[in-house]
C-alpha atoms as a PDB file:
ATOM      1  CA  MET A   1       4.318  15.054  10.291  1.00  0.00           C
ATOM      2  CA  ASN A   2       7.314  12.492  10.230  1.00  0.00           C
ATOM      3  CA  PRO A   3       8.407  12.859   6.321  1.00  0.00           C
ATOM      4  CA  HIS A   4      10.014   9.170   6.596  1.00  0.00           C
ATOM      5  CA  PHE A   5       6.887   7.485   7.466  1.00  0.00           C
ATOM      6  CA  LEU A   6       6.158   5.950   4.027  1.00  0.00           C
ATOM      7  CA  GLU A   7       9.763   4.205   4.355  1.00  0.00           C
ATOM      8  CA  GLU A   8       9.125   3.392   8.130  1.00  0.00           C
ATOM      9  CA  LEU A   9       5.393   1.747   7.232  1.00  0.00           C
ATOM     10  CA  ASP A  10       7.295  -0.206   4.104  1.00  0.00           C
ATOM     11  CA  ALA A  11       9.721  -1.403   6.508  1.00  0.00           C
ATOM     12  CA  LEU A  12       7.075  -2.525   8.900  1.00  0.00           C
ATOM     13  CA  ILE A  13       5.341  -4.289   6.056  1.00  0.00           C
ATOM     14  CA  ALA A  14       8.581  -6.173   5.540  1.00  0.00           C
ATOM     15  CA  LYS A  15       9.074  -6.920   9.003  1.00  0.00           C
ATOM     16  CA  ARG A  16       5.488  -8.491   9.283  1.00  0.00           C
ATOM     17  CA  LYS A  17       5.767 -10.364   6.123  1.00  0.00           C
ATOM     18  CA  HIS A  18       8.930 -12.265   7.559  1.00  0.00           C
ATOM     19  CA  GLU A  19       8.068 -12.777  11.194  1.00  0.00           C
ATOM     20  CA  LEU A  20       4.235 -13.250  10.562  1.00  0.00           C
ATOM     21  CA  PRO A  21       3.577 -12.260  14.518  1.00  0.00           C
ATOM     22  CA  ASP A  22      -0.479 -13.161  15.599  1.00  0.00           C
ATOM     23  CA  GLY A  23      -2.829 -10.209  16.060  1.00  0.00           C
ATOM     24  CA  SER A  24      -1.399  -8.432  12.932  1.00  0.00           C
ATOM     25  CA  TYR A  25      -3.573  -7.373   9.670  1.00  0.00           C
ATOM     26  CA  THR A  26      -0.740  -7.146   7.933  1.00  0.00           C
ATOM     27  CA  SER A  27       0.648 -10.762   8.758  1.00  0.00           C
ATOM     28  CA  ASP A  28      -3.115 -12.059   8.367  1.00  0.00           C
ATOM     29  CA  LEU A  29      -2.980 -10.596   4.831  1.00  0.00           C
ATOM     30  CA  PHE A  30       0.083 -12.610   4.038  1.00  0.00           C
ATOM     31  CA  LYS A  31      -1.097 -15.884   5.307  1.00  0.00           C
ATOM     32  CA  LYS A  32      -4.000 -15.875   3.713  1.00  0.00           C
ATOM     33  CA  GLY A  33      -2.032 -15.373   0.303  1.00  0.00           C
ATOM     34  CA  ILE A  34      -2.036 -12.928  -2.652  1.00  0.00           C
ATOM     35  CA  ASP A  35      -5.481 -13.558  -3.748  1.00  0.00           C
ATOM     36  CA  ARG A  36      -6.673 -12.169  -0.560  1.00  0.00           C
ATOM     37  CA  ILE A  37      -4.264  -9.059  -0.807  1.00  0.00           C
ATOM     38  CA  LEU A  38      -5.162  -8.452  -4.453  1.00  0.00           C
ATOM     39  CA  ARG A  39      -8.608  -8.753  -3.701  1.00  0.00           C
ATOM     40  CA  LYS A  40      -8.601  -5.859  -0.747  1.00  0.00           C
ATOM     41  CA  VAL A  41      -6.163  -3.934  -3.730  1.00  0.00           C
ATOM     42  CA  GLY A  42      -9.456  -4.207  -5.754  1.00  0.00           C
ATOM     43  CA  GLU A  43     -12.006  -3.442  -3.130  1.00  0.00           C
ATOM     44  CA  GLU A  44     -10.247  -0.090  -2.038  1.00  0.00           C
ATOM     45  CA  THR A  45      -9.586   0.951  -5.443  1.00  0.00           C
ATOM     46  CA  GLY A  46     -13.256   0.988  -6.050  1.00  0.00           C
ATOM     47  CA  GLU A  47     -13.734   2.368  -2.783  1.00  0.00           C
ATOM     48  CA  PHE A  48     -11.419   5.254  -3.785  1.00  0.00           C
ATOM     49  CA  ILE A  49     -13.344   5.771  -6.990  1.00  0.00           C
ATOM     50  CA  ILE A  50     -16.606   6.294  -5.331  1.00  0.00           C
ATOM     51  CA  ALA A  51     -15.160   8.685  -2.620  1.00  0.00           C
ATOM     52  CA  CYS A  52     -13.590  10.525  -5.547  1.00  0.00           C
ATOM     53  CA  LYS A  53     -17.139  11.025  -7.545  1.00  0.00           C
ATOM     54  CA  ASN A  54     -18.637  11.641  -3.949  1.00  0.00           C
ATOM     55  CA  ASN A  55     -16.327  14.311  -3.527  1.00  0.00           C
ATOM     56  CA  ASP A  56     -15.664  13.732   0.198  1.00  0.00           C
ATOM     57  CA  PRO A  57     -12.573  15.053   1.204  1.00  0.00           C
ATOM     58  CA  ILE A  58     -12.232  13.249   4.190  1.00  0.00           C
ATOM     59  CA  GLU A  59     -13.454   9.858   2.462  1.00  0.00           C
ATOM     60  CA  ILE A  60     -10.904  10.252  -0.028  1.00  0.00           C
ATOM     61  CA  LYS A  61      -8.118  10.821   2.038  1.00  0.00           C
ATOM     62  CA  ASN A  62      -9.286   7.743   3.977  1.00  0.00           C
ATOM     63  CA  GLU A  63      -9.836   5.448   1.023  1.00  0.00           C
ATOM     64  CA  ALA A  64      -6.549   6.689  -0.386  1.00  0.00           C
ATOM     65  CA  ALA A  65      -4.662   5.310   2.681  1.00  0.00           C
ATOM     66  CA  ASP A  66      -6.376   2.066   2.591  1.00  0.00           C
ATOM     67  CA  LEU A  67      -5.477   1.696  -1.052  1.00  0.00           C
ATOM     68  CA  LEU A  68      -2.009   2.536  -0.511  1.00  0.00           C
ATOM     69  CA  PHE A  69      -1.350   0.386   2.347  1.00  0.00           C
ATOM     70  CA  HIS A  70      -3.080  -2.586   0.506  1.00  0.00           C
ATOM     71  CA  THR A  71      -0.795  -1.676  -2.684  1.00  0.00           C
ATOM     72  CA  LEU A  72       2.118  -1.892  -0.163  1.00  0.00           C
ATOM     73  CA  VAL A  73       1.205  -5.346   1.228  1.00  0.00           C
ATOM     74  CA  ALA A  74       0.673  -6.326  -2.518  1.00  0.00           C
ATOM     75  CA  LEU A  75       4.338  -5.034  -3.844  1.00  0.00           C
ATOM     76  CA  HIS A  76       5.885  -7.074  -0.800  1.00  0.00           C
ATOM     77  CA  ALA A  77       3.597  -9.950  -1.511  1.00  0.00           C
ATOM     78  CA  ARG A  78       5.404  -9.971  -4.964  1.00  0.00           C
ATOM     79  CA  GLY A  79       9.196  -9.110  -3.437  1.00  0.00           C
ATOM     80  CA  LEU A  80       9.139  -5.635  -4.298  1.00  0.00           C
ATOM     81  CA  SER A  81       9.034  -2.388  -1.866  1.00  0.00           C
ATOM     82  CA  LEU A  82       8.481   1.327  -2.079  1.00  0.00           C
ATOM     83  CA  LYS A  83      11.833   2.226  -2.619  1.00  0.00           C
ATOM     84  CA  GLU A  84      11.706   0.284  -5.845  1.00  0.00           C
ATOM     85  CA  VAL A  85       8.713   2.080  -7.453  1.00  0.00           C
ATOM     86  CA  THR A  86      10.198   5.492  -5.859  1.00  0.00           C
ATOM     87  CA  GLU A  87      12.959   4.931  -8.010  1.00  0.00           C
ATOM     88  CA  ILE A  88      11.087   4.364 -11.245  1.00  0.00           C
ATOM     89  CA  LEU A  89       9.036   7.520 -10.316  1.00  0.00           C
ATOM     90  CA  GLU A  90      12.169   9.701 -10.003  1.00  0.00           C
ATOM     91  CA  GLU A  91      13.541   7.964 -13.202  1.00  0.00           C
ATOM     92  CA  ARG A  92      10.320   9.130 -14.996  1.00  0.00           C
ATOM     93  CA  HIS A  93      10.068  12.546 -13.534  1.00  0.00           C
ATOM     94  CA  PHE A  94      13.986  13.481 -14.188  1.00  0.00           C
ATOM     95  CA  LYS A  95      13.442  12.154 -17.828  1.00  0.00           C
ATOM     96  CA  ALA A  96      10.433  14.358 -18.554  1.00  0.00           C
ATOM     97  CA  ASP A  97      12.281  17.269 -17.269  1.00  0.00           C
END
């Protein structure tokens, strides 16, 4: 398992946003705009909730991955990154201790 995978995925999403290569699902989302991206976040949120309700571990993991991916795309669509969100989580964690 690659401990830096999320950072690498985040960097790839940023690259896709900048380069918008043809044939890339991520680039296609950026080309379709924020409404389409947020629609996907909403769809994946609902699917994740249902998976959790159904208590199916495989479905839960798959839907969580979809939700996380589309959330990262939404962050980049708004000029933000995983690092910025991670910094907030770190601040909250250390503030709570």
